[in-house]
Amino acid sequence: FMAFAHVLYAQPAMNSIANTDPAGAALPLRNLQIEVRQMRRDALSNRGAGVDAQVQLGSDGRVHLQGSLQAQDVQRQQSTTATQQVLVLNGRSAFIALRTSTPLRLMQSFYHNGLLHITRGTVLLEAGTGFMATPSWDGSGQVMLELAAQQAASPNTSSGIGSSVLLPLGEWVTVAQSEQSSNVERNGLGGGASQSGQTGLEVQVRLTVR
């Protein structure tokens, strides 16, 4: 995927009250910094088996076959990270571009038995798009982040379909993820080989008050 490049800034604000959250409560007029990092992990495994055979003509005139069985198991792992920062006024929206070739699913949070759970939702981000992020901070140690999928045909335009994630301030939390796997097998006269791969992609967000 391509590294993020742009940084957006909002006008600095003093401590006062402006904007409202989805419930209609007033929000502190502060800037929030949204840090986004995109982490990709690739794992590749190659396994194969073959026969190394040699044909020799003996002194007795007979043909002798000598061979050995060879096995191979190679595993490789690689990880890459790209980051960006966006500064936005509390309660306002900012567009987060995710130029990836892999579709992602947005996360969502909910309370169960008094505990906060974050799990994969049903909203799909198309490859090469992004999402609109709208943080709502009420002055506590948590911030509600509204995530809306972007329309592929209309850059910087939300589709109106999204999810909500409650984030602790100053902590990295996964807001979108994807996982793909592949498996290829090849067989020949000298043996066979298989190649399997797994690609994991996570988008994490951290919010701080400025």
N, C-alpha and C. Protein backbone atom coordinates (compact mmCIF):
# COMPACT_ATOMS: atom_id res chain seq x y z
N PHE A 1 0.84 -1.18 0.00
CA PHE A 1 0.00 0.00 0.00
C PHE A 1 0.88 1.23 0.00
N MET A 2 0.30 2.36 -0.36
CA MET A 2 1.05 3.60 -0.46
C MET A 2 1.09 4.30 0.89
N ALA A 3 2.21 4.92 1.18
CA ALA A 3 2.35 5.65 2.45
C ALA A 3 1.49 6.89 2.43
N PHE A 4 0.96 7.25 3.58
CA PHE A 4 0.17 8.46 3.69
C PHE A 4 1.07 9.67 3.60
N ALA A 5 0.52 10.76 3.08
CA ALA A 5 1.37 11.93 2.89
C ALA A 5 0.75 13.20 3.46
N HIS A 6 -0.55 13.41 3.28
CA HIS A 6 -1.12 14.70 3.61
C HIS A 6 -1.42 14.84 5.10
N VAL A 7 -1.39 16.05 5.59
CA VAL A 7 -1.75 16.37 6.97
C VAL A 7 -2.73 17.53 6.93
N LEU A 8 -3.88 17.37 7.58
CA LEU A 8 -4.89 18.41 7.59
C LEU A 8 -4.92 19.08 8.95
N TYR A 9 -5.15 20.41 8.96
CA TYR A 9 -5.19 21.16 10.20
C TYR A 9 -6.48 21.97 10.29
N ALA A 10 -6.97 22.11 11.50
CA ALA A 10 -8.10 22.98 11.76
C ALA A 10 -7.60 24.19 12.52
N GLN A 11 -8.42 25.24 12.60
CA GLN A 11 -8.04 26.42 13.35
C GLN A 11 -7.99 26.11 14.84
N PRO A 12 -6.98 26.59 15.57
CA PRO A 12 -6.91 26.33 17.01
C PRO A 12 -8.08 26.97 17.73
N ALA A 13 -8.49 26.35 18.83
CA ALA A 13 -9.65 26.84 19.56
C ALA A 13 -9.35 26.95 21.04
N MET A 14 -10.03 27.88 21.70
CA MET A 14 -9.90 28.06 23.13
C MET A 14 -10.87 27.13 23.84
N ASN A 15 -10.74 27.01 25.16
CA ASN A 15 -11.65 26.20 25.94
C ASN A 15 -13.00 26.92 26.02
N SER A 16 -13.98 26.40 25.33
CA SER A 16 -15.33 26.93 25.37
C SER A 16 -16.26 25.84 24.88
N ILE A 17 -17.50 26.14 24.64
CA ILE A 17 -18.48 25.14 24.24
C ILE A 17 -18.96 25.44 22.84
N ALA A 18 -18.96 24.43 21.99
CA ALA A 18 -19.46 24.56 20.63
C ALA A 18 -19.77 23.18 20.10
N ASN A 19 -20.56 23.12 19.02
CA ASN A 19 -20.96 21.87 18.40
C ASN A 19 -21.76 21.02 19.40
N THR A 20 -22.32 19.96 18.93
CA THR A 20 -23.07 19.04 19.78
C THR A 20 -22.78 17.62 19.35
N ASP A 21 -22.90 16.69 20.30
CA ASP A 21 -22.72 15.29 19.96
C ASP A 21 -24.04 14.75 19.42
N PRO A 22 -24.07 13.47 18.96
CA PRO A 22 -25.30 12.92 18.41
C PRO A 22 -26.47 12.95 19.37
N ALA A 23 -26.21 12.98 20.67
CA ALA A 23 -27.29 13.02 21.66
C ALA A 23 -27.76 14.44 21.94
N GLY A 24 -27.11 15.43 21.34
CA GLY A 24 -27.53 16.82 21.51
C GLY A 24 -26.79 17.56 22.61
N ALA A 25 -25.84 16.94 23.29
CA ALA A 25 -25.11 17.60 24.37
C ALA A 25 -24.01 18.48 23.77
N ALA A 26 -23.70 19.58 24.47
CA ALA A 26 -22.67 20.50 24.00
C ALA A 26 -21.30 19.86 24.14
N LEU A 27 -20.40 20.15 23.19
CA LEU A 27 -19.05 19.61 23.19
C LEU A 27 -18.04 20.72 23.43
N PRO A 28 -16.97 20.44 24.16
CA PRO A 28 -15.90 21.44 24.34
C PRO A 28 -15.31 21.83 23.00
N LEU A 29 -15.07 23.11 22.82
CA LEU A 29 -14.49 23.62 21.58
C LEU A 29 -12.98 23.41 21.64
N ARG A 30 -12.55 22.25 21.23
CA ARG A 30 -11.13 21.88 21.23
C ARG A 30 -10.78 21.17 19.93
N ASN A 31 -9.51 21.21 19.59
CA ASN A 31 -9.03 20.44 18.45
C ASN A 31 -8.66 19.03 18.91
N LEU A 32 -8.95 18.06 18.07
CA LEU A 32 -8.59 16.68 18.33
C LEU A 32 -7.64 16.21 17.23
N GLN A 33 -6.56 15.60 17.64
CA GLN A 33 -5.61 15.03 16.67
C GLN A 33 -5.93 13.56 16.46
N ILE A 34 -6.19 13.22 15.20
CA ILE A 34 -6.46 11.83 14.83
C ILE A 34 -5.21 11.27 14.16
N GLU A 35 -4.58 10.30 14.81
CA GLU A 35 -3.44 9.61 14.23
C GLU A 35 -3.91 8.27 13.68
N VAL A 36 -3.52 7.99 12.46
CA VAL A 36 -3.94 6.76 11.79
C VAL A 36 -2.71 6.00 11.34
N ARG A 37 -2.65 4.74 11.67
CA ARG A 37 -1.56 3.91 11.16
C ARG A 37 -2.14 2.65 10.54
N GLN A 38 -1.57 2.29 9.42
CA GLN A 38 -2.02 1.14 8.66
C GLN A 38 -0.92 0.10 8.67
N MET A 39 -1.21 -1.07 9.21
CA MET A 39 -0.21 -2.11 9.39
C MET A 39 -0.58 -3.33 8.56
N ARG A 40 0.37 -3.77 7.77
CA ARG A 40 0.17 -4.95 6.92
C ARG A 40 1.19 -6.02 7.28
N ARG A 41 0.70 -7.25 7.40
CA ARG A 41 1.56 -8.39 7.72
C ARG A 41 1.37 -9.46 6.65
N ASP A 42 2.47 -9.88 6.05
CA ASP A 42 2.44 -10.92 5.03
C ASP A 42 3.21 -12.13 5.52
N ALA A 43 2.59 -13.29 5.43
CA ALA A 43 3.23 -14.56 5.81
C ALA A 43 3.15 -15.51 4.63
N LEU A 44 4.29 -16.06 4.25
CA LEU A 44 4.35 -16.97 3.09
C LEU A 44 5.05 -18.25 3.50
N SER A 45 4.46 -19.37 3.12
CA SER A 45 5.01 -20.67 3.46
C SER A 45 5.12 -21.52 2.20
N ASN A 46 6.31 -22.06 1.94
CA ASN A 46 6.55 -22.94 0.81
C ASN A 46 6.94 -24.32 1.32
N ARG A 47 6.19 -25.32 0.89
CA ARG A 47 6.49 -26.70 1.27
C ARG A 47 6.56 -27.55 0.00
N GLY A 48 7.57 -28.41 -0.06
CA GLY A 48 7.71 -29.26 -1.24
C GLY A 48 8.48 -30.52 -0.94
N ALA A 49 8.30 -31.49 -1.80
CA ALA A 49 9.02 -32.77 -1.70
C ALA A 49 9.33 -33.25 -3.10
N GLY A 50 10.54 -33.78 -3.29
CA GLY A 50 10.94 -34.28 -4.61
C GLY A 50 11.95 -35.39 -4.48
N VAL A 51 12.18 -36.03 -5.59
CA VAL A 51 13.12 -37.15 -5.64
C VAL A 51 14.31 -36.75 -6.50
N ASP A 52 15.50 -36.88 -5.94
CA ASP A 52 16.74 -36.64 -6.68
C ASP A 52 17.28 -38.00 -7.10
N ALA A 53 17.10 -38.35 -8.40
CA ALA A 53 17.44 -39.70 -8.87
C ALA A 53 18.59 -39.63 -9.87
N GLN A 54 19.43 -40.66 -9.85
CA GLN A 54 20.54 -40.80 -10.79
C GLN A 54 20.52 -42.22 -11.36
N VAL A 55 20.76 -42.30 -12.65
CA VAL A 55 20.80 -43.60 -13.34
C VAL A 55 22.26 -43.91 -13.70
N GLN A 56 22.75 -45.06 -13.29
CA GLN A 56 24.13 -45.47 -13.54
C GLN A 56 24.16 -46.85 -14.20
N LEU A 57 25.15 -47.02 -15.06
CA LEU A 57 25.36 -48.31 -15.73
C LEU A 57 26.49 -49.04 -15.02
N GLY A 58 26.16 -50.14 -14.44
CA GLY A 58 27.14 -50.90 -13.67
C GLY A 58 28.09 -51.70 -14.55
N SER A 59 29.18 -52.22 -13.92
CA SER A 59 30.18 -53.01 -14.64
C SER A 59 29.60 -54.32 -15.13
N ASP A 60 28.50 -54.72 -14.51
CA ASP A 60 27.86 -55.96 -14.93
C ASP A 60 26.90 -55.75 -16.08
N GLY A 61 26.83 -54.49 -16.56
CA GLY A 61 25.95 -54.20 -17.68
C GLY A 61 24.53 -53.89 -17.29
N ARG A 62 24.25 -53.89 -16.01
CA ARG A 62 22.90 -53.60 -15.55
C ARG A 62 22.77 -52.11 -15.22
N VAL A 63 21.52 -51.64 -15.32
CA VAL A 63 21.21 -50.24 -15.00
C VAL A 63 20.82 -50.15 -13.52
N HIS A 64 21.50 -49.26 -12.82
CA HIS A 64 21.22 -49.08 -11.38
C HIS A 64 20.62 -47.68 -11.16
N LEU A 65 19.60 -47.65 -10.33
CA LEU A 65 18.93 -46.37 -10.02
C LEU A 65 19.20 -46.02 -8.56
N GLN A 66 19.75 -44.83 -8.37
CA GLN A 66 20.00 -44.33 -7.01
C GLN A 66 19.27 -43.00 -6.84
N GLY A 67 18.67 -42.83 -5.69
CA GLY A 67 17.92 -41.59 -5.48
C GLY A 67 17.72 -41.30 -4.01
N SER A 68 17.28 -40.08 -3.75
CA SER A 68 17.00 -39.66 -2.37
C SER A 68 15.79 -38.74 -2.38
N LEU A 69 15.05 -38.78 -1.31
CA LEU A 69 13.87 -37.93 -1.14
C LEU A 69 14.27 -36.65 -0.45
N GLN A 70 13.92 -35.51 -1.05
CA GLN A 70 14.28 -34.21 -0.49
C GLN A 70 13.00 -33.45 -0.14
N ALA A 71 12.99 -32.87 1.05
CA ALA A 71 11.84 -32.09 1.51
C ALA A 71 12.28 -30.66 1.81
N GLN A 72 11.38 -29.72 1.58
CA GLN A 72 11.69 -28.31 1.79
C GLN A 72 10.53 -27.63 2.50
N ASP A 73 10.85 -26.82 3.46
CA ASP A 73 9.85 -26.06 4.20
C ASP A 73 10.43 -24.67 4.50
N VAL A 74 9.96 -23.67 3.79
CA VAL A 74 10.46 -22.31 3.94
C VAL A 74 9.31 -21.39 4.35
N GLN A 75 9.52 -20.63 5.39
CA GLN A 75 8.51 -19.69 5.86
C GLN A 75 9.12 -18.30 5.96
N ARG A 76 8.37 -17.31 5.47
CA ARG A 76 8.83 -15.93 5.50
C ARG A 76 7.71 -15.03 6.02
N GLN A 77 8.09 -14.01 6.76
CA GLN A 77 7.14 -13.04 7.28
C GLN A 77 7.66 -11.64 7.03
N GLN A 78 6.74 -10.73 6.72
CA GLN A 78 7.10 -9.35 6.44
C GLN A 78 6.00 -8.43 6.94
N SER A 79 6.37 -7.31 7.50
CA SER A 79 5.38 -6.35 7.99
C SER A 79 5.78 -4.94 7.57
N THR A 80 4.79 -4.10 7.27
CA THR A 80 5.02 -2.71 6.89
C THR A 80 3.98 -1.84 7.58
N THR A 81 4.33 -0.58 7.80
CA THR A 81 3.44 0.36 8.49
C THR A 81 3.49 1.72 7.80
N ALA A 82 2.33 2.35 7.67
CA ALA A 82 2.23 3.71 7.14
C ALA A 82 1.33 4.51 8.06
N THR A 83 1.65 5.77 8.28
CA THR A 83 0.91 6.60 9.23
C THR A 83 0.54 7.95 8.63
N GLN A 84 -0.46 8.57 9.22
CA GLN A 84 -0.82 9.94 8.88
C GLN A 84 -1.47 10.60 10.10
N GLN A 85 -1.58 11.93 10.07
CA GLN A 85 -2.19 12.70 11.16
C GLN A 85 -3.19 13.70 10.58
N VAL A 86 -4.29 13.86 11.30
CA VAL A 86 -5.32 14.82 10.91
C VAL A 86 -5.73 15.58 12.16
N LEU A 87 -5.78 16.91 12.08
CA LEU A 87 -6.23 17.75 13.19
C LEU A 87 -7.60 18.31 12.84
N VAL A 88 -8.61 18.06 13.68
CA VAL A 88 -9.98 18.43 13.37
C VAL A 88 -10.65 19.01 14.62
N LEU A 89 -11.59 19.91 14.41
CA LEU A 89 -12.34 20.49 15.52
C LEU A 89 -13.30 19.46 16.10
N ASN A 90 -13.42 19.43 17.41
CA ASN A 90 -14.30 18.50 18.10
C ASN A 90 -15.71 18.55 17.52
N GLY A 91 -16.20 17.40 17.07
CA GLY A 91 -17.53 17.32 16.49
C GLY A 91 -17.57 17.49 14.99
N ARG A 92 -16.45 17.88 14.37
CA ARG A 92 -16.40 18.03 12.92
C ARG A 92 -15.81 16.78 12.28
N SER A 93 -15.91 16.71 10.95
CA SER A 93 -15.50 15.52 10.21
C SER A 93 -14.20 15.75 9.46
N ALA A 94 -13.44 14.68 9.27
CA ALA A 94 -12.21 14.70 8.49
C ALA A 94 -12.17 13.44 7.64
N PHE A 95 -11.65 13.57 6.43
CA PHE A 95 -11.56 12.42 5.54
C PHE A 95 -10.23 11.72 5.72
N ILE A 96 -10.27 10.39 5.86
CA ILE A 96 -9.08 9.56 6.00
C ILE A 96 -8.95 8.71 4.74
N ALA A 97 -7.91 8.94 3.96
CA ALA A 97 -7.68 8.18 2.73
C ALA A 97 -6.90 6.92 3.03
N LEU A 98 -7.39 5.79 2.53
CA LEU A 98 -6.72 4.51 2.70
C LEU A 98 -6.49 3.92 1.32
N ARG A 99 -5.35 4.21 0.73
CA ARG A 99 -5.08 3.74 -0.63
C ARG A 99 -4.54 2.31 -0.59
N THR A 100 -5.44 1.38 -0.34
CA THR A 100 -5.06 -0.03 -0.25
C THR A 100 -5.70 -0.80 -1.40
N SER A 101 -5.16 -1.96 -1.67
CA SER A 101 -5.72 -2.84 -2.69
C SER A 101 -6.58 -3.93 -2.07
N THR A 102 -6.83 -3.82 -0.78
CA THR A 102 -7.58 -4.83 -0.05
C THR A 102 -8.82 -4.21 0.60
N PRO A 103 -10.00 -4.77 0.39
CA PRO A 103 -11.18 -4.27 1.10
C PRO A 103 -11.04 -4.46 2.61
N LEU A 104 -11.65 -3.56 3.38
CA LEU A 104 -11.56 -3.60 4.84
C LEU A 104 -12.96 -3.56 5.44
N ARG A 105 -13.10 -4.13 6.61
CA ARG A 105 -14.36 -4.03 7.35
C ARG A 105 -14.16 -3.11 8.55
N LEU A 106 -15.10 -2.17 8.72
CA LEU A 106 -15.05 -1.27 9.86
C LEU A 106 -15.40 -2.02 11.14
N MET A 107 -14.79 -1.60 12.24
CA MET A 107 -15.10 -2.16 13.54
C MET A 107 -16.27 -1.39 14.17
N GLN A 108 -16.89 -1.98 15.15
CA GLN A 108 -17.92 -1.32 15.92
C GLN A 108 -17.80 -1.74 17.38
N SER A 109 -18.28 -0.90 18.29
CA SER A 109 -18.17 -1.20 19.72
C SER A 109 -19.55 -1.28 20.34
N PHE A 110 -19.64 -2.06 21.41
CA PHE A 110 -20.89 -2.19 22.15
C PHE A 110 -20.58 -2.64 23.57
N TYR A 111 -21.50 -2.36 24.47
CA TYR A 111 -21.36 -2.78 25.86
C TYR A 111 -22.13 -4.08 26.09
N HIS A 112 -21.50 -5.00 26.82
CA HIS A 112 -22.16 -6.24 27.21
C HIS A 112 -21.73 -6.59 28.63
N ASN A 113 -22.69 -6.70 29.52
CA ASN A 113 -22.43 -6.96 30.94
C ASN A 113 -21.46 -5.94 31.53
N GLY A 114 -21.63 -4.69 31.09
CA GLY A 114 -20.82 -3.61 31.63
C GLY A 114 -19.43 -3.49 31.05
N LEU A 115 -19.08 -4.34 30.07
CA LEU A 115 -17.76 -4.31 29.46
C LEU A 115 -17.86 -3.84 28.01
N LEU A 116 -16.88 -3.05 27.59
CA LEU A 116 -16.83 -2.55 26.24
C LEU A 116 -16.17 -3.57 25.32
N HIS A 117 -16.86 -3.92 24.23
CA HIS A 117 -16.35 -4.88 23.26
C HIS A 117 -16.22 -4.19 21.90
N ILE A 118 -15.12 -4.47 21.21
CA ILE A 118 -14.92 -3.96 19.86
C ILE A 118 -14.78 -5.15 18.93
N THR A 119 -15.62 -5.21 17.89
CA THR A 119 -15.65 -6.36 17.00
C THR A 119 -15.84 -5.89 15.56
N ARG A 120 -15.61 -6.78 14.62
CA ARG A 120 -15.78 -6.45 13.21
C ARG A 120 -17.25 -6.27 12.90
N GLY A 121 -17.57 -5.20 12.18
CA GLY A 121 -18.94 -4.92 11.80
C GLY A 121 -19.25 -5.44 10.40
N THR A 122 -20.34 -4.94 9.85
CA THR A 122 -20.79 -5.38 8.53
C THR A 122 -20.48 -4.37 7.44
N VAL A 123 -20.00 -3.18 7.80
CA VAL A 123 -19.73 -2.15 6.81
C VAL A 123 -18.39 -2.41 6.13
N LEU A 124 -18.40 -2.47 4.81
CA LEU A 124 -17.21 -2.78 4.03
C LEU A 124 -16.65 -1.53 3.37
N LEU A 125 -15.35 -1.31 3.54
CA LEU A 125 -14.65 -0.25 2.82
C LEU A 125 -14.07 -0.84 1.55
N GLU A 126 -14.42 -0.26 0.42
CA GLU A 126 -13.90 -0.76 -0.85
C GLU A 126 -12.41 -0.46 -0.96
N ALA A 127 -11.73 -1.26 -1.76
CA ALA A 127 -10.29 -1.06 -1.97
C ALA A 127 -10.04 0.30 -2.61
N GLY A 128 -9.02 0.99 -2.12
CA GLY A 128 -8.63 2.27 -2.69
C GLY A 128 -9.48 3.44 -2.27
N THR A 129 -10.31 3.28 -1.24
CA THR A 129 -11.16 4.39 -0.79
C THR A 129 -10.70 4.87 0.59
N GLY A 130 -11.62 5.04 1.53
CA GLY A 130 -11.31 5.52 2.86
C GLY A 130 -12.59 5.75 3.63
N PHE A 131 -12.54 6.60 4.66
CA PHE A 131 -13.74 6.85 5.46
C PHE A 131 -13.70 8.26 6.03
N MET A 132 -14.88 8.76 6.37
CA MET A 132 -15.01 10.02 7.08
C MET A 132 -15.00 9.72 8.58
N ALA A 133 -14.18 10.44 9.32
CA ALA A 133 -14.07 10.26 10.77
C ALA A 133 -14.59 11.49 11.47
N THR A 134 -15.54 11.29 12.39
CA THR A 134 -16.13 12.38 13.16
C THR A 134 -15.99 12.10 14.64
N PRO A 135 -15.02 12.70 15.33
CA PRO A 135 -14.87 12.46 16.76
C PRO A 135 -15.77 13.38 17.59
N SER A 136 -16.35 12.83 18.64
CA SER A 136 -17.18 13.61 19.58
C SER A 136 -16.65 13.36 20.98
N TRP A 137 -16.01 14.39 21.54
CA TRP A 137 -15.39 14.27 22.87
C TRP A 137 -16.15 15.15 23.84
N ASP A 138 -16.62 14.58 24.95
CA ASP A 138 -17.43 15.31 25.93
C ASP A 138 -16.63 15.81 27.12
N GLY A 139 -15.28 15.68 27.05
CA GLY A 139 -14.45 16.13 28.16
C GLY A 139 -14.00 15.01 29.07
N SER A 140 -14.45 13.79 28.81
CA SER A 140 -14.06 12.64 29.63
C SER A 140 -12.80 12.00 29.07
N GLY A 141 -12.50 10.79 29.52
CA GLY A 141 -11.32 10.08 29.04
C GLY A 141 -11.58 9.24 27.82
N GLN A 142 -12.80 9.35 27.24
CA GLN A 142 -13.14 8.58 26.06
C GLN A 142 -13.72 9.50 24.99
N VAL A 143 -13.65 9.04 23.76
CA VAL A 143 -14.19 9.81 22.64
C VAL A 143 -14.94 8.86 21.72
N MET A 144 -16.12 9.28 21.26
CA MET A 144 -16.90 8.50 20.32
C MET A 144 -16.48 8.88 18.91
N LEU A 145 -16.07 7.89 18.12
CA LEU A 145 -15.61 8.15 16.75
C LEU A 145 -16.60 7.52 15.78
N GLU A 146 -17.26 8.39 15.00
CA GLU A 146 -18.17 7.93 13.96
C GLU A 146 -17.38 7.70 12.68
N LEU A 147 -17.55 6.51 12.09
CA LEU A 147 -16.85 6.15 10.87
C LEU A 147 -17.86 5.91 9.77
N ALA A 148 -17.71 6.61 8.64
CA ALA A 148 -18.63 6.47 7.52
C ALA A 148 -17.85 6.11 6.27
N ALA A 149 -18.29 5.08 5.57
CA ALA A 149 -17.60 4.62 4.37
C ALA A 149 -17.70 5.65 3.26
N GLN A 150 -16.63 5.77 2.50
CA GLN A 150 -16.59 6.70 1.37
C GLN A 150 -17.11 6.01 0.12
N GLN A 151 -17.79 6.76 -0.73
CA GLN A 151 -18.22 6.24 -2.01
C GLN A 151 -17.05 6.21 -2.98
N ALA A 152 -16.85 5.08 -3.64
CA ALA A 152 -15.71 4.94 -4.54
C ALA A 152 -15.79 5.92 -5.70
N ALA A 153 -17.00 6.22 -6.17
CA ALA A 153 -17.15 7.10 -7.33
C ALA A 153 -17.12 8.57 -6.97
N SER A 154 -17.20 8.89 -5.70
CA SER A 154 -17.24 10.29 -5.25
C SER A 154 -16.22 10.51 -4.15
N PRO A 155 -14.99 10.88 -4.48
CA PRO A 155 -13.96 11.12 -3.47
C PRO A 155 -14.41 12.13 -2.42
N ASN A 156 -14.02 11.87 -1.17
CA ASN A 156 -14.33 12.74 -0.03
C ASN A 156 -15.83 12.84 0.26
N THR A 157 -16.62 11.94 -0.29
CA THR A 157 -18.06 11.95 -0.06
C THR A 157 -18.46 10.68 0.67
N SER A 158 -19.14 10.84 1.80
CA SER A 158 -19.56 9.69 2.60
C SER A 158 -20.78 9.03 1.99
N SER A 159 -20.85 7.71 2.12
CA SER A 159 -22.00 6.96 1.63
C SER A 159 -23.15 6.99 2.63
N GLY A 160 -22.90 7.49 3.84
CA GLY A 160 -23.93 7.50 4.87
C GLY A 160 -24.01 6.19 5.64
N ILE A 161 -23.21 5.21 5.26
CA ILE A 161 -23.19 3.91 5.93
C ILE A 161 -21.92 3.81 6.75
N GLY A 162 -22.05 3.53 8.03
CA GLY A 162 -20.86 3.49 8.85
C GLY A 162 -21.10 2.80 10.18
N SER A 163 -20.20 3.07 11.12
CA SER A 163 -20.29 2.47 12.44
C SER A 163 -19.71 3.44 13.45
N SER A 164 -19.81 3.10 14.72
CA SER A 164 -19.30 3.93 15.82
C SER A 164 -18.38 3.10 16.70
N VAL A 165 -17.28 3.72 17.12
CA VAL A 165 -16.32 3.04 18.00
C VAL A 165 -15.99 4.00 19.14
N LEU A 166 -16.09 3.51 20.37
CA LEU A 166 -15.73 4.29 21.55
C LEU A 166 -14.27 4.03 21.88
N LEU A 167 -13.45 5.10 21.87
CA LEU A 167 -12.01 4.95 22.04
C LEU A 167 -11.53 5.63 23.32
N PRO A 168 -10.62 5.01 24.04
CA PRO A 168 -9.94 5.71 25.14
C PRO A 168 -8.97 6.73 24.55
N LEU A 169 -8.89 7.90 25.12
CA LEU A 169 -7.95 8.91 24.63
C LEU A 169 -6.51 8.42 24.79
N GLY A 170 -5.70 8.69 23.77
CA GLY A 170 -4.28 8.39 23.84
C GLY A 170 -3.90 6.95 23.63
N GLU A 171 -4.84 6.07 23.23
CA GLU A 171 -4.54 4.66 23.02
C GLU A 171 -4.84 4.26 21.58
N TRP A 172 -4.00 3.38 21.04
CA TRP A 172 -4.23 2.85 19.70
C TRP A 172 -5.32 1.80 19.74
N VAL A 173 -6.31 1.95 18.85
CA VAL A 173 -7.42 1.00 18.77
C VAL A 173 -7.67 0.67 17.30
N THR A 174 -7.89 -0.60 17.01
CA THR A 174 -8.17 -1.03 15.64
C THR A 174 -9.59 -0.63 15.25
N VAL A 175 -9.72 0.07 14.11
CA VAL A 175 -11.04 0.52 13.64
C VAL A 175 -11.43 -0.14 12.32
N ALA A 176 -10.51 -0.82 11.66
CA ALA A 176 -10.83 -1.55 10.42
C ALA A 176 -9.78 -2.62 10.23
N GLN A 177 -10.19 -3.74 9.63
CA GLN A 177 -9.23 -4.82 9.40
C GLN A 177 -9.70 -5.73 8.28
N SER A 178 -8.76 -6.50 7.77
CA SER A 178 -9.04 -7.45 6.70
C SER A 178 -8.02 -8.57 6.78
N GLU A 179 -8.42 -9.73 6.28
CA GLU A 179 -7.52 -10.88 6.27
C GLU A 179 -7.82 -11.73 5.04
N GLN A 180 -6.78 -12.03 4.28
CA GLN A 180 -6.93 -12.83 3.08
C GLN A 180 -5.92 -13.98 3.11
N SER A 181 -6.32 -15.12 2.55
CA SER A 181 -5.42 -16.27 2.50
C SER A 181 -5.47 -16.88 1.10
N SER A 182 -4.39 -17.55 0.74
CA SER A 182 -4.30 -18.21 -0.56
C SER A 182 -3.53 -19.51 -0.41
N ASN A 183 -3.81 -20.45 -1.32
CA ASN A 183 -3.15 -21.75 -1.28
C ASN A 183 -3.02 -22.28 -2.71
N VAL A 184 -1.80 -22.58 -3.12
CA VAL A 184 -1.53 -23.08 -4.47
C VAL A 184 -0.72 -24.36 -4.36
N GLU A 185 -1.14 -25.40 -5.11
CA GLU A 185 -0.43 -26.68 -5.12
C GLU A 185 0.00 -27.01 -6.54
N ARG A 186 1.23 -27.54 -6.66
CA ARG A 186 1.77 -27.95 -7.95
C ARG A 186 2.35 -29.36 -7.82
N ASN A 187 2.05 -30.20 -8.81
CA ASN A 187 2.53 -31.58 -8.81
C ASN A 187 3.23 -31.88 -10.14
N GLY A 188 4.32 -32.61 -10.07
CA GLY A 188 5.06 -32.99 -11.26
C GLY A 188 5.64 -34.37 -11.12
N LEU A 189 6.42 -34.78 -12.13
CA LEU A 189 7.01 -36.13 -12.11
C LEU A 189 8.01 -36.28 -10.96
N GLY A 190 8.69 -35.18 -10.62
CA GLY A 190 9.72 -35.28 -9.59
C GLY A 190 9.22 -35.01 -8.19
N GLY A 191 7.95 -34.73 -8.03
CA GLY A 191 7.43 -34.44 -6.70
C GLY A 191 6.38 -33.36 -6.75
N GLY A 192 6.04 -32.82 -5.61
CA GLY A 192 5.01 -31.80 -5.52
C GLY A 192 5.42 -30.68 -4.59
N ALA A 193 4.71 -29.56 -4.71
CA ALA A 193 5.01 -28.40 -3.87
C ALA A 193 3.72 -27.65 -3.61
N SER A 194 3.65 -26.99 -2.48
CA SER A 194 2.49 -26.18 -2.13
C SER A 194 2.97 -24.84 -1.58
N GLN A 195 2.22 -23.81 -1.87
CA GLN A 195 2.53 -22.47 -1.39
C GLN A 195 1.27 -21.87 -0.78
N SER A 196 1.37 -21.43 0.46
CA SER A 196 0.24 -20.80 1.14
C SER A 196 0.67 -19.44 1.67
N GLY A 197 -0.24 -18.50 1.60
CA GLY A 197 0.06 -17.16 2.07
C GLY A 197 -1.11 -16.57 2.84
N GLN A 198 -0.79 -15.65 3.72
CA GLN A 198 -1.82 -14.98 4.51
C GLN A 198 -1.44 -13.52 4.66
N THR A 199 -2.37 -12.64 4.34
CA THR A 199 -2.15 -11.21 4.44
C THR A 199 -3.14 -10.61 5.43
N GLY A 200 -2.63 -9.97 6.45
CA GLY A 200 -3.47 -9.30 7.44
C GLY A 200 -3.26 -7.80 7.38
N LEU A 201 -4.35 -7.06 7.40
CA LEU A 201 -4.29 -5.60 7.30
C LEU A 201 -5.13 -4.99 8.41
N GLU A 202 -4.53 -4.07 9.18
CA GLU A 202 -5.23 -3.40 10.27
C GLU A 202 -5.06 -1.89 10.13
N VAL A 203 -6.14 -1.17 10.39
CA VAL A 203 -6.09 0.28 10.48
C VAL A 203 -6.38 0.66 11.94
N GLN A 204 -5.43 1.32 12.57
CA GLN A 204 -5.57 1.71 13.97
C GLN A 204 -5.61 3.23 14.09
N VAL A 205 -6.34 3.68 15.10
CA VAL A 205 -6.53 5.12 15.32
C VAL A 205 -6.21 5.46 16.76
N ARG A 206 -5.57 6.61 16.96
CA ARG A 206 -5.33 7.15 18.30
C ARG A 206 -5.74 8.62 18.31
N LEU A 207 -6.52 9.03 19.31
CA LEU A 207 -7.01 10.40 19.42
C LEU A 207 -6.46 11.07 20.66
N THR A 208 -6.03 12.30 20.49
CA THR A 208 -5.56 13.11 21.62
C THR A 208 -6.13 14.52 21.50
N VAL A 209 -6.28 15.18 22.64
CA VAL A 209 -6.84 16.54 22.67
C VAL A 209 -5.70 17.54 22.54
N ARG A 210 -5.88 18.53 21.69
CA ARG A 210 -4.86 19.57 21.46
C ARG A 210 -5.36 20.92 21.93
